[in-house]
Amino acid sequence: MINRRTMLAGTAATFALAAAPVSAKSDPIVSIQEGRLRGALEGGLSVFRGIRYGEDTGSTRFQAPVPAKAWSGVRDALSFGPVCPQRGDRYAPETEDCLFLNVWTPGLDVHAKRPVMVYFHGGAYSTGSVTDPMNDGSHLAARGDVVVVTVNHRLNAFGYLYLAGLDARFADSGNVGQLDLILALQWIKRNIAAFGGDASRVMVFGQSGGGAKIATLMGMPAAKGLFHSAATMSGQQVTAQGAMNGTARTRAYMAELGLGDGDVGKLLTLPTEALVEALHATDPILGKSVYFGPTLDMKWLDRHPFWPDANPQSNDIPMILGNTHDETRAFISPDGDKVRGLNWDNIAARLGPELKIDLPPDWVVAQYRDHFPDYSAEQVFYAATTAGRSWPGQVIEADARAAAGAKATWVYQLDFPSPLEPRRGAFHTHDIPLVFGTLDAEGSRTGTGADARAVSEKMMDAFIALARHGNPNHSGMAEWPSYTLPDRATMVFDAHTRAVNDPRKWQRELFARAPYIQPGS
């Protein structure tokens, strides 16, 4: 089992790694520390799916993960492993035995030393999986001559239920999902050379909750040195959940299961299905489904990621921070009750509950109407909910890095709208297929037209350049200036991609008049 000392130390031993030669007529076989793996040749790439990096967590619920044990013979790595149990069955099969990762590589030469791009999926710490077709790593690996790794880990109560406030036996419980990711990064450090990767050039990138996981890792001492550049896509974590709020949420979750403070041990024997069913418990702080996320436990996470400033631990890590222009058009449907029948008489009442910044909604609406007189009520609603809910965290993080003197910071804004669903604009998650090059994958709404391909190529090459050189600039795009104050240079990705200083300055300043309320803190 991992403990703080071994995780902080990382992997000190050096292992002899060898890869079997691969011919066009044979399946690729690779030797790693734990054993030998058989993958598949796909479009000139060697692909390994469902590689176990940690043991089954079913018998170690709410505890730090255990590294994968060695095996004899050759183990198949031909299909995705199961994902963490969660509400809904989109990514079935789902089991607590979910610590698996996947690798796409152009070749198995241990001397190739290709950059490594490691993706963490979104889903607000509670849902999601890298088995989503938009997360396929083949286009990135082939285009950039890089090794792409995608990682599944524990989510929701299985990964973030904070029990230490009720039972000292579970001192790691509020952050075990993060410890899974650290274990995966340790596996990569130990084994990626066998896949042609360079363990000294590991870039982590993630969208939404995946970006938040990265922001949190940047403030965790156990993750220090395990990655060398980072990119967050609509994913921020300014502050973590506090221990007292975490305990209050745990009590609400346990009450849904019919358990009290002295019943923590009973959580270990309840069926997985019961733990999933209880996820709809009401959060005592937020008043909706209970929040799960990293906890300021003073063991693994001993300060907030970006408050009161950017954690000095990671200010020298080159970093991209990005958001989409119309974030909230993804999860507030244009055809749903919050927008249907929207007009100037009811917009303030509907807008207020959606903001994470406590300003009078009627005043906010009046400011928008004055500044954007041609906007409809719907346009004001989406602009304000994006600027006052889903974007401020990124501004805080980028400004904090700039204020700390972190020179290697670049910010983007995706303006390219969906040509398939115009009312959605450039919505939350719209950048995933653009960065992965999976424009025609199930779930993508980018289309495959010339503009979509051009935007995708620029974004892919920028992320690849960051992984390779620690700087996203490349010859196929206008210069992307680093983010400094007061200029706030931002690369706007669109049919006409260009760098703009502070492109939403008025909205940024409007919502800077009151503190941002970090979800879950």
Protein backbone atom coordinates (compact mmCIF):
# COMPACT_ATOMS: atom_id res chain seq x y z
CA MET A 1 0.00 0.00 0.00
CA ILE A 2 1.16 3.51 -0.77
CA ASN A 3 2.04 5.76 2.12
CA ARG A 4 3.09 9.38 2.19
CA ARG A 5 6.78 8.62 2.44
CA THR A 6 6.90 6.32 -0.59
CA MET A 7 4.71 8.62 -2.69
CA LEU A 8 6.82 11.66 -1.90
CA ALA A 9 9.95 9.74 -2.72
CA GLY A 10 8.51 8.57 -6.03
CA THR A 11 10.20 5.66 -7.68
CA ALA A 12 13.89 5.63 -6.93
CA ALA A 13 14.78 2.32 -8.52
CA THR A 14 15.72 2.08 -12.17
CA PHE A 15 14.40 -0.94 -14.00
CA ALA A 16 15.80 -2.50 -17.15
CA LEU A 17 13.09 -2.10 -19.76
CA ALA A 18 13.04 -4.02 -22.99
CA ALA A 19 10.53 -4.20 -25.81
CA ALA A 20 10.08 -7.12 -28.14
CA PRO A 21 10.56 -6.21 -31.80
CA VAL A 22 7.30 -5.65 -33.63
CA SER A 23 6.58 -6.59 -37.22
CA ALA A 24 3.56 -5.72 -39.31
CA LYS A 25 2.33 -9.29 -38.91
CA SER A 26 2.61 -9.55 -35.13
CA ASP A 27 0.93 -8.03 -32.13
CA PRO A 28 3.19 -5.65 -30.22
CA ILE A 29 4.51 -7.08 -26.97
CA VAL A 30 6.14 -4.87 -24.38
CA SER A 31 7.99 -5.68 -21.18
CA ILE A 32 7.40 -3.42 -18.20
CA GLN A 33 8.40 -3.76 -14.56
CA GLU A 34 5.31 -5.81 -13.66
CA GLY A 35 5.36 -8.19 -16.62
CA ARG A 36 4.75 -8.49 -20.36
CA LEU A 37 1.78 -7.01 -22.24
CA ARG A 38 0.29 -7.77 -25.63
CA GLY A 39 -1.30 -4.88 -27.48
CA ALA A 40 -2.62 -4.32 -30.98
CA LEU A 41 -1.36 -2.64 -34.13
CA GLU A 42 -3.84 0.02 -35.23
CA GLY A 43 -3.11 2.41 -38.08
CA GLY A 44 0.62 2.24 -37.56
CA LEU A 45 0.37 2.70 -33.79
CA SER A 46 0.92 0.22 -30.99
CA VAL A 47 -2.11 0.44 -28.72
CA PHE A 48 -2.42 -1.05 -25.24
CA ARG A 49 -5.78 -0.80 -23.48
CA GLY A 50 -6.80 -1.76 -19.97
CA ILE A 51 -3.34 -1.84 -18.38
CA ARG A 52 -3.67 -2.37 -14.64
CA TYR A 53 -1.69 0.21 -12.67
CA GLY A 54 -3.31 -0.51 -9.27
CA GLU A 55 -4.89 -3.48 -7.54
CA ASP A 56 -8.63 -3.99 -7.10
CA THR A 57 -9.91 -1.32 -4.70
CA GLY A 58 -12.99 -3.31 -3.72
CA SER A 59 -11.20 -4.81 -0.72
CA THR A 60 -9.50 -1.51 0.20
CA ARG A 61 -12.38 0.95 0.03
CA PHE A 62 -11.54 4.53 1.01
CA GLN A 63 -7.85 3.65 1.37
CA ALA A 64 -4.78 4.63 -0.64
CA PRO A 65 -4.30 2.53 -3.78
CA VAL A 66 -2.00 -0.48 -3.98
CA PRO A 67 0.38 -0.70 -6.97
CA ALA A 68 -0.28 -3.45 -9.49
CA LYS A 69 1.40 -6.75 -8.69
CA ALA A 70 3.76 -8.49 -11.05
CA TRP A 71 2.54 -11.37 -13.23
CA SER A 72 4.10 -14.15 -15.26
CA GLY A 73 3.56 -14.81 -18.93
CA VAL A 74 2.02 -12.33 -21.37
CA ARG A 75 -1.11 -10.45 -20.37
CA ASP A 76 -3.49 -9.12 -23.04
CA ALA A 77 -4.02 -5.36 -23.12
CA LEU A 78 -6.57 -5.32 -25.92
CA SER A 79 -9.71 -3.79 -24.41
CA PHE A 80 -10.57 -1.02 -21.97
CA GLY A 81 -10.81 -1.93 -18.31
CA PRO A 82 -13.95 -1.31 -16.22
CA VAL A 83 -14.68 2.17 -14.91
CA CYS A 84 -15.54 3.44 -11.46
CA PRO A 85 -19.18 2.91 -10.39
CA GLN A 86 -21.24 6.07 -10.93
CA ARG A 87 -24.75 7.28 -11.56
CA GLY A 88 -25.86 6.16 -14.99
CA ASP A 89 -24.54 3.27 -17.08
CA ARG A 90 -23.03 5.10 -20.04
CA TYR A 91 -19.58 3.64 -19.44
CA ALA A 92 -20.48 0.10 -18.35
CA PRO A 93 -19.02 -2.18 -17.16
CA GLU A 94 -18.49 -0.44 -13.83
CA THR A 95 -16.73 -1.99 -10.85
CA GLU A 96 -14.54 -0.90 -7.97
CA ASP A 97 -11.72 -2.66 -9.79
CA CYS A 98 -11.13 0.36 -12.02
CA LEU A 99 -7.46 1.36 -11.85
CA PHE A 100 -6.58 0.96 -15.53
CA LEU A 101 -4.83 3.11 -18.10
CA ASN A 102 -4.39 3.03 -21.88
CA VAL A 103 -1.42 3.81 -24.13
CA TRP A 104 -1.10 4.85 -27.79
CA THR A 105 2.46 5.00 -29.13
CA PRO A 106 4.08 5.32 -32.56
CA GLY A 107 6.68 2.71 -31.58
CA LEU A 108 8.29 0.72 -28.81
CA ASP A 109 11.90 1.84 -29.19
CA VAL A 110 13.09 2.44 -25.64
CA HIS A 111 15.53 5.06 -26.94
CA ALA A 112 12.88 7.13 -28.78
CA LYS A 113 12.21 9.41 -25.79
CA ARG A 114 8.96 10.82 -27.14
CA PRO A 115 7.01 13.37 -25.11
CA VAL A 116 4.20 11.83 -23.04
CA MET A 117 0.69 13.33 -22.92
CA VAL A 118 -1.45 12.06 -20.02
CA TYR A 119 -5.18 12.79 -20.03
CA PHE A 120 -7.53 12.91 -17.02
CA HIS A 121 -11.23 12.92 -17.85
CA GLY A 122 -13.91 15.31 -16.63
CA GLY A 123 -17.12 14.70 -14.75
CA ALA A 124 -16.78 16.89 -11.65
CA TYR A 125 -14.94 14.18 -9.67
CA SER A 126 -18.10 12.06 -9.75
CA THR A 127 -18.68 10.71 -13.27
CA GLY A 128 -16.93 10.13 -16.58
CA SER A 129 -14.36 7.85 -18.16
CA VAL A 130 -11.52 7.99 -20.68
CA THR A 131 -13.27 5.21 -22.59
CA ASP A 132 -15.37 7.97 -24.18
CA PRO A 133 -14.73 7.87 -27.96
CA MET A 134 -13.71 11.56 -27.96
CA ASN A 135 -10.75 10.63 -25.73
CA ASP A 136 -9.16 8.27 -28.27
CA GLY A 137 -5.44 9.02 -28.36
CA SER A 138 -4.61 7.79 -31.86
CA HIS A 139 -4.79 11.13 -33.70
CA LEU A 140 -2.59 12.95 -31.18
CA ALA A 141 -0.03 10.14 -31.05
CA ALA A 142 0.24 9.92 -34.84
CA ARG A 143 0.23 13.66 -35.54
CA GLY A 144 2.72 14.62 -32.85
CA ASP A 145 4.93 11.54 -32.62
CA VAL A 146 4.06 11.43 -28.93
CA VAL A 147 2.94 8.78 -26.45
CA VAL A 148 -0.62 9.34 -25.25
CA VAL A 149 -1.87 7.87 -21.97
CA THR A 150 -5.43 8.06 -20.64
CA VAL A 151 -6.29 7.17 -17.04
CA ASN A 152 -9.36 5.99 -15.13
CA HIS A 153 -9.53 6.25 -11.35
CA ARG A 154 -11.93 6.25 -8.39
CA LEU A 155 -14.70 8.84 -8.41
CA ASN A 156 -17.52 10.21 -6.22
CA ALA A 157 -17.80 8.48 -2.83
CA PHE A 158 -15.32 5.78 -3.81
CA GLY A 159 -12.63 8.39 -4.50
CA TYR A 160 -13.50 11.42 -2.38
CA LEU A 161 -15.75 10.55 0.59
CA TYR A 162 -14.01 12.19 3.55
CA LEU A 163 -14.19 9.82 6.53
CA ALA A 164 -11.18 10.94 8.58
CA GLY A 165 -13.35 13.32 10.61
CA LEU A 166 -15.36 10.34 11.87
CA ASP A 167 -12.88 7.46 11.85
CA ALA A 168 -9.08 7.82 12.04
CA ARG A 169 -8.61 4.52 10.19
CA PHE A 170 -9.47 6.32 6.95
CA ALA A 171 -6.91 9.13 7.02
CA ASP A 172 -6.48 9.05 3.21
CA SER A 173 -10.16 8.80 2.30
CA GLY A 174 -10.92 12.35 1.12
CA ASN A 175 -8.22 12.26 -1.54
CA VAL A 176 -7.86 8.65 -2.70
CA GLY A 177 -9.06 9.57 -6.19
CA GLN A 178 -6.12 11.96 -6.40
CA LEU A 179 -3.80 9.29 -5.00
CA ASP A 180 -4.93 6.99 -7.81
CA LEU A 181 -3.78 9.60 -10.33
CA ILE A 182 -0.45 9.96 -8.51
CA LEU A 183 -0.05 6.18 -8.61
CA ALA A 184 -0.71 6.25 -12.38
CA LEU A 185 1.91 8.98 -12.82
CA GLN A 186 4.38 6.89 -10.81
CA TRP A 187 3.59 3.93 -13.09
CA ILE A 188 4.32 6.18 -16.08
CA LYS A 189 7.61 7.36 -14.61
CA ARG A 190 8.61 3.75 -14.06
CA ASN A 191 7.40 2.18 -17.29
CA ILE A 192 6.84 4.69 -20.08
CA ALA A 193 10.30 4.26 -21.63
CA ALA A 194 9.23 0.77 -22.70
CA PHE A 195 6.54 2.43 -24.83
CA GLY A 196 9.01 4.86 -26.41
CA GLY A 197 8.20 7.66 -23.97
CA ASP A 198 10.37 10.12 -22.09
CA ALA A 199 9.72 10.05 -18.34
CA SER A 200 11.32 13.50 -18.05
CA ARG A 201 8.76 15.08 -20.42
CA VAL A 202 5.32 14.20 -19.07
CA MET A 203 2.48 16.62 -19.77
CA VAL A 204 -0.85 16.22 -18.00
CA PHE A 205 -4.00 17.64 -19.55
CA GLY A 206 -7.65 17.38 -18.64
CA GLN A 207 -11.05 18.90 -19.30
CA SER A 208 -13.53 20.16 -16.67
CA GLY A 209 -13.12 17.90 -13.63
CA GLY A 210 -9.94 16.57 -15.24
CA GLY A 211 -8.49 20.07 -15.25
CA ALA A 212 -9.57 20.55 -11.65
CA LYS A 213 -7.78 17.32 -10.72
CA ILE A 214 -4.63 18.73 -12.32
CA ALA A 215 -4.97 22.07 -10.52
CA THR A 216 -5.22 20.10 -7.28
CA LEU A 217 -2.23 17.89 -8.12
CA MET A 218 -0.19 21.05 -8.65
CA GLY A 219 -0.65 21.70 -4.94
CA MET A 220 0.00 18.16 -3.66
CA PRO A 221 3.56 17.49 -2.47
CA ALA A 222 3.25 13.80 -3.42
CA ALA A 223 2.81 14.79 -7.09
CA LYS A 224 5.93 16.95 -7.24
CA GLY A 225 8.24 15.94 -10.07
CA LEU A 226 5.79 13.51 -11.67
CA PHE A 227 4.78 15.86 -14.53
CA HIS A 228 6.57 18.69 -16.27
CA SER A 229 3.85 20.68 -18.05
CA ALA A 230 0.08 20.93 -17.73
CA ALA A 231 -3.04 22.09 -19.56
CA THR A 232 -6.47 22.60 -18.05
CA MET A 233 -9.51 22.88 -20.30
CA SER A 234 -12.48 24.52 -18.55
CA GLY A 235 -11.24 22.97 -15.34
CA GLN A 236 -10.37 24.99 -12.23
CA GLN A 237 -9.85 24.25 -8.54
CA VAL A 238 -9.13 27.45 -6.66
CA THR A 239 -9.93 26.05 -3.23
CA ALA A 240 -10.51 22.52 -1.99
CA GLN A 241 -13.24 21.20 0.25
CA GLY A 242 -12.61 21.96 3.92
CA ALA A 243 -12.54 19.15 6.46
CA MET A 244 -15.62 20.38 8.33
CA ASN A 245 -17.71 20.72 5.18
CA GLY A 246 -16.38 17.35 4.07
CA THR A 247 -17.54 15.76 7.31
CA ALA A 248 -20.96 17.40 7.02
CA ARG A 249 -21.33 15.97 3.53
CA THR A 250 -20.23 12.55 4.74
CA ARG A 251 -22.91 12.63 7.44
CA ALA A 252 -25.56 13.52 4.84
CA TYR A 253 -24.39 10.71 2.56
CA MET A 254 -24.34 8.18 5.41
CA ALA A 255 -27.79 9.28 6.56
CA GLU A 256 -29.05 8.44 3.07
CA LEU A 257 -27.72 4.94 3.73
CA GLY A 258 -29.36 4.81 7.15
CA LEU A 259 -26.03 5.09 8.96
CA GLY A 260 -24.75 7.32 11.77
CA ASP A 261 -21.36 8.55 12.93
CA GLY A 262 -20.44 5.26 14.57
CA ASP A 263 -21.25 3.18 11.50
CA VAL A 264 -18.30 4.02 9.24
CA GLY A 265 -17.13 0.41 9.31
CA LYS A 266 -20.43 -0.71 7.80
CA LEU A 267 -19.58 1.21 4.62
CA LEU A 268 -16.98 -1.45 3.89
CA THR A 269 -19.52 -4.25 3.53
CA LEU A 270 -22.37 -2.49 1.73
CA PRO A 271 -22.85 -3.53 -1.89
CA THR A 272 -21.49 -1.21 -4.56
CA GLU A 273 -25.00 -0.56 -5.83
CA ALA A 274 -26.09 0.84 -2.48
CA LEU A 275 -23.18 3.29 -2.39
CA VAL A 276 -24.04 4.47 -5.89
CA GLU A 277 -27.74 4.86 -5.09
CA ALA A 278 -26.94 7.10 -2.12
CA LEU A 279 -25.05 9.56 -4.32
CA HIS A 280 -28.28 11.53 -4.79
CA ALA A 281 -28.18 12.54 -1.09
CA THR A 282 -28.74 16.27 -0.56
CA ASP A 283 -25.63 18.34 0.05
CA PRO A 284 -26.06 20.26 3.35
CA ILE A 285 -24.02 23.18 2.03
CA LEU A 286 -25.07 23.44 -1.62
CA GLY A 287 -28.64 22.11 -1.38
CA LYS A 288 -28.31 19.76 -4.37
CA SER A 289 -26.76 16.33 -4.90
CA VAL A 290 -23.89 15.89 -2.49
CA TYR A 291 -20.54 17.22 -3.69
CA PHE A 292 -17.44 15.03 -3.76
CA GLY A 293 -13.98 16.45 -4.34
CA PRO A 294 -10.49 16.82 -2.89
CA THR A 295 -10.24 17.66 0.81
CA LEU A 296 -7.86 19.95 2.61
CA ASP A 297 -6.84 17.14 4.96
CA MET A 298 -3.40 18.57 5.90
CA LYS A 299 -1.87 15.19 5.05
CA TRP A 300 -1.95 14.85 1.28
CA LEU A 301 -3.33 18.31 0.54
CA ASP A 302 -1.97 20.86 2.98
CA ARG A 303 -3.03 24.11 1.30
CA HIS A 304 -5.54 25.25 -1.29
CA PRO A 305 -4.39 24.89 -4.90
CA PHE A 306 -4.73 28.56 -5.92
CA TRP A 307 -5.61 30.42 -2.72
CA PRO A 308 -4.40 32.71 -1.28
CA ASP A 309 -2.00 32.53 -4.21
CA ALA A 310 -0.67 30.09 -6.77
CA ASN A 311 1.11 27.27 -4.99
CA PRO A 312 4.86 27.95 -5.32
CA GLN A 313 5.42 24.22 -5.82
CA SER A 314 4.17 24.44 -9.41
CA ASN A 315 4.80 28.00 -10.58
CA ASP A 316 7.74 26.82 -12.68
CA ILE A 317 5.61 24.24 -14.52
CA PRO A 318 4.64 25.49 -18.00
CA MET A 319 0.85 25.63 -18.11
CA ILE A 320 -2.03 26.28 -20.50
CA LEU A 321 -5.37 27.39 -19.03
CA GLY A 322 -8.40 27.53 -21.30
CA ASN A 323 -12.14 27.97 -21.38
CA THR A 324 -14.89 28.02 -23.99
CA HIS A 325 -16.83 31.16 -24.89
CA ASP A 326 -20.24 29.66 -24.09
CA GLU A 327 -19.53 27.24 -21.25
CA THR A 328 -23.03 27.06 -19.79
CA ARG A 329 -24.76 26.28 -23.08
CA ALA A 330 -23.60 22.70 -22.48
CA PHE A 331 -25.47 22.05 -19.24
CA ILE A 332 -28.28 24.61 -19.36
CA SER A 333 -30.25 23.42 -22.35
CA PRO A 334 -31.63 26.05 -24.74
CA ASP A 335 -34.81 23.95 -24.76
CA GLY A 336 -34.98 23.42 -20.99
CA ASP A 337 -37.12 25.08 -18.35
CA LYS A 338 -34.47 27.63 -17.39
CA VAL A 339 -34.41 29.10 -20.90
CA ARG A 340 -37.82 28.27 -22.33
CA GLY A 341 -39.99 31.39 -22.11
CA LEU A 342 -37.07 33.51 -20.92
CA ASN A 343 -37.74 37.25 -21.14
CA TRP A 344 -36.69 40.50 -19.52
CA ASP A 345 -39.30 40.09 -16.78
CA ASN A 346 -38.08 36.73 -15.49
CA ILE A 347 -34.38 36.66 -16.43
CA ALA A 348 -33.11 38.01 -13.08
CA ALA A 349 -34.98 35.34 -11.10
CA ARG A 350 -33.62 32.59 -13.34
CA LEU A 351 -30.11 34.00 -13.49
CA GLY A 352 -29.49 34.36 -9.76
CA PRO A 353 -29.30 30.67 -8.81
CA GLU A 354 -26.82 30.03 -11.62
CA LEU A 355 -24.16 32.52 -10.49
CA LYS A 356 -21.19 31.68 -8.29
CA ILE A 357 -20.58 35.35 -7.58
CA ASP A 358 -23.02 37.05 -5.22
CA LEU A 359 -24.13 40.17 -7.07
CA PRO A 360 -27.76 41.36 -7.40
CA PRO A 361 -29.09 39.54 -10.49
CA ASP A 362 -31.29 42.43 -11.57
CA TRP A 363 -28.27 44.73 -11.41
CA VAL A 364 -26.21 42.25 -13.45
CA VAL A 365 -28.94 42.10 -16.11
CA ALA A 366 -29.13 45.91 -16.26
CA GLN A 367 -25.33 46.13 -16.75
CA TYR A 368 -25.44 43.63 -19.60
CA ARG A 369 -28.38 45.36 -21.30
CA ASP A 370 -26.57 48.66 -21.13
CA HIS A 371 -23.27 47.26 -22.42
CA PHE A 372 -24.76 44.89 -25.03
CA PRO A 373 -27.97 46.63 -26.17
CA ASP A 374 -28.44 44.24 -29.10
CA TYR A 375 -28.33 41.09 -26.93
CA SER A 376 -31.48 39.05 -26.45
CA ALA A 377 -32.50 37.81 -22.99
CA GLU A 378 -31.11 34.40 -23.91
CA GLN A 379 -27.76 35.86 -24.96
CA VAL A 380 -27.49 37.84 -21.71
CA PHE A 381 -28.41 34.75 -19.68
CA TYR A 382 -25.70 32.57 -21.21
CA ALA A 383 -23.05 35.29 -21.24
CA ALA A 384 -23.66 36.12 -17.57
CA THR A 385 -23.85 32.52 -16.37
CA THR A 386 -20.61 31.70 -18.17
CA ALA A 387 -18.78 34.80 -16.90
CA GLY A 388 -20.23 34.56 -13.39
CA ARG A 389 -20.10 30.81 -12.91
CA SER A 390 -17.84 28.77 -15.18
CA TRP A 391 -15.06 31.19 -16.12
CA PRO A 392 -13.95 33.11 -12.97
CA GLY A 393 -11.89 30.26 -11.56
CA GLN A 394 -9.67 30.26 -14.62
CA VAL A 395 -9.19 34.03 -14.36
CA ILE A 396 -8.22 33.68 -10.70
CA GLU A 397 -5.70 30.92 -11.45
CA ALA A 398 -4.12 32.69 -14.43
CA ASP A 399 -3.91 35.98 -12.55
CA ALA A 400 -2.42 34.23 -9.52
CA ARG A 401 0.31 32.64 -11.62
CA ALA A 402 1.04 35.95 -13.32
CA ALA A 403 1.17 37.77 -9.97
CA ALA A 404 3.62 35.14 -8.69
CA GLY A 405 5.90 35.73 -11.66
CA ALA A 406 5.17 32.42 -13.41
CA LYS A 407 6.27 33.35 -16.93
CA ALA A 408 5.35 30.09 -18.67
CA THR A 409 1.57 30.55 -18.63
CA TRP A 410 -0.66 30.69 -21.68
CA VAL A 411 -4.42 31.25 -21.78
CA TYR A 412 -6.90 30.39 -24.52
CA GLN A 413 -10.55 31.04 -25.24
CA LEU A 414 -12.40 28.74 -27.67
CA ASP A 415 -14.80 30.83 -29.75
CA PHE A 416 -15.33 28.33 -32.58
CA PRO A 417 -19.06 27.49 -32.38
CA SER A 418 -20.65 24.16 -33.11
CA PRO A 419 -21.76 24.13 -36.76
CA LEU A 420 -24.09 21.23 -35.93
CA GLU A 421 -25.88 22.91 -33.01
CA PRO A 422 -25.61 26.69 -33.50
CA ARG A 423 -27.60 27.50 -30.33
CA ARG A 424 -24.92 25.72 -28.29
CA GLY A 425 -22.13 28.00 -29.54
CA ALA A 426 -18.68 27.09 -28.16
CA PHE A 427 -20.00 25.07 -25.26
CA HIS A 428 -18.38 23.23 -22.33
CA THR A 429 -16.59 20.06 -23.63
CA HIS A 430 -16.46 21.45 -27.20
CA ASP A 431 -12.66 21.63 -27.03
CA ILE A 432 -12.19 17.91 -26.25
CA PRO A 433 -12.52 16.57 -29.82
CA LEU A 434 -10.62 19.58 -31.15
CA VAL A 435 -7.61 18.81 -28.94
CA PHE A 436 -7.80 15.03 -29.52
CA GLY A 437 -8.55 15.35 -33.25
CA THR A 438 -11.61 13.13 -32.80
CA LEU A 439 -13.92 15.39 -34.80
CA ASP A 440 -16.07 12.53 -36.10
CA ALA A 441 -16.29 10.62 -32.80
CA GLU A 442 -19.59 9.90 -31.11
CA GLY A 443 -20.51 12.91 -28.99
CA SER A 444 -18.47 15.44 -30.96
CA ARG A 445 -20.43 18.42 -32.30
CA THR A 446 -17.56 20.09 -34.15
CA GLY A 447 -18.37 18.71 -37.57
CA THR A 448 -15.56 17.79 -39.96
CA GLY A 449 -15.54 20.90 -42.13
CA ALA A 450 -12.48 22.93 -43.09
CA ASP A 451 -12.84 25.40 -40.20
CA ALA A 452 -13.16 22.62 -37.62
CA ARG A 453 -10.12 20.85 -39.03
CA ALA A 454 -8.09 24.07 -39.02
CA VAL A 455 -8.97 24.89 -35.40
CA SER A 456 -8.29 21.31 -34.35
CA GLU A 457 -4.87 21.26 -36.01
CA LYS A 458 -3.85 24.47 -34.28
CA MET A 459 -5.01 23.23 -30.87
CA MET A 460 -3.47 19.79 -31.29
CA ASP A 461 -0.15 21.26 -32.37
CA ALA A 462 -0.17 23.75 -29.48
CA PHE A 463 -0.72 21.00 -26.90
CA ILE A 464 1.90 18.80 -28.58
CA ALA A 465 4.39 21.68 -28.58
CA LEU A 466 3.81 22.25 -24.87
CA ALA A 467 4.53 18.57 -24.22
CA ARG A 468 7.63 18.59 -26.40
CA HIS A 469 9.15 22.00 -25.67
CA GLY A 470 7.31 23.46 -22.66
CA ASN A 471 5.86 26.14 -24.92
CA PRO A 472 2.69 25.91 -27.07
CA ASN A 473 3.95 28.14 -29.89
CA HIS A 474 4.39 26.46 -33.25
CA SER A 475 4.83 27.47 -36.88
CA GLY A 476 1.22 26.81 -37.85
CA MET A 477 -0.23 29.56 -35.66
CA ALA A 478 0.24 33.23 -34.86
CA GLU A 479 2.45 33.96 -31.86
CA TRP A 480 0.81 33.01 -28.57
CA PRO A 481 2.14 35.49 -25.97
CA SER A 482 2.50 34.37 -22.39
CA TYR A 483 -0.11 35.58 -19.91
CA THR A 484 1.08 38.51 -17.83
CA LEU A 485 -0.57 41.37 -15.98
CA PRO A 486 -2.10 43.69 -16.95
CA ASP A 487 -2.21 42.58 -20.61
CA ARG A 488 -3.81 39.14 -20.06
CA ALA A 489 -2.90 37.93 -23.56
CA THR A 490 -5.32 35.22 -24.71
CA MET A 491 -5.28 33.01 -27.81
CA VAL A 492 -8.77 33.01 -29.31
CA PHE A 493 -9.25 29.77 -31.27
CA ASP A 494 -11.75 30.25 -34.08
CA ALA A 495 -11.96 30.21 -37.87
CA HIS A 496 -9.64 33.21 -37.53
CA THR A 497 -7.35 32.28 -34.65
CA ARG A 498 -5.56 35.24 -33.13
CA ALA A 499 -4.08 36.57 -29.90
CA VAL A 500 -6.13 39.22 -28.09
CA ASN A 501 -5.40 41.07 -24.87
CA ASP A 502 -8.10 40.59 -22.21
CA PRO A 503 -10.88 39.71 -24.71
CA ARG A 504 -13.68 39.76 -22.11
CA LYS A 505 -12.32 42.59 -20.02
CA TRP A 506 -15.69 44.21 -19.28
CA GLN A 507 -17.25 40.94 -18.06
CA ARG A 508 -14.14 40.06 -16.05
CA GLU A 509 -14.22 43.42 -14.29
CA LEU A 510 -17.97 43.22 -13.72
CA PHE A 511 -17.76 39.96 -11.79
CA ALA A 512 -14.53 40.89 -10.03
CA ARG A 513 -16.64 43.17 -7.81
CA ALA A 514 -17.51 40.27 -5.48
CA PRO A 515 -15.71 37.08 -4.35
CA TYR A 516 -15.98 33.91 -6.40
CA ILE A 517 -17.71 31.08 -4.52
CA GLN A 518 -15.74 27.90 -5.28
CA PRO A 519 -18.12 24.94 -5.60
CA GLY A 520 -17.66 22.47 -2.78
CA SER A 521 -15.38 24.52 -0.56
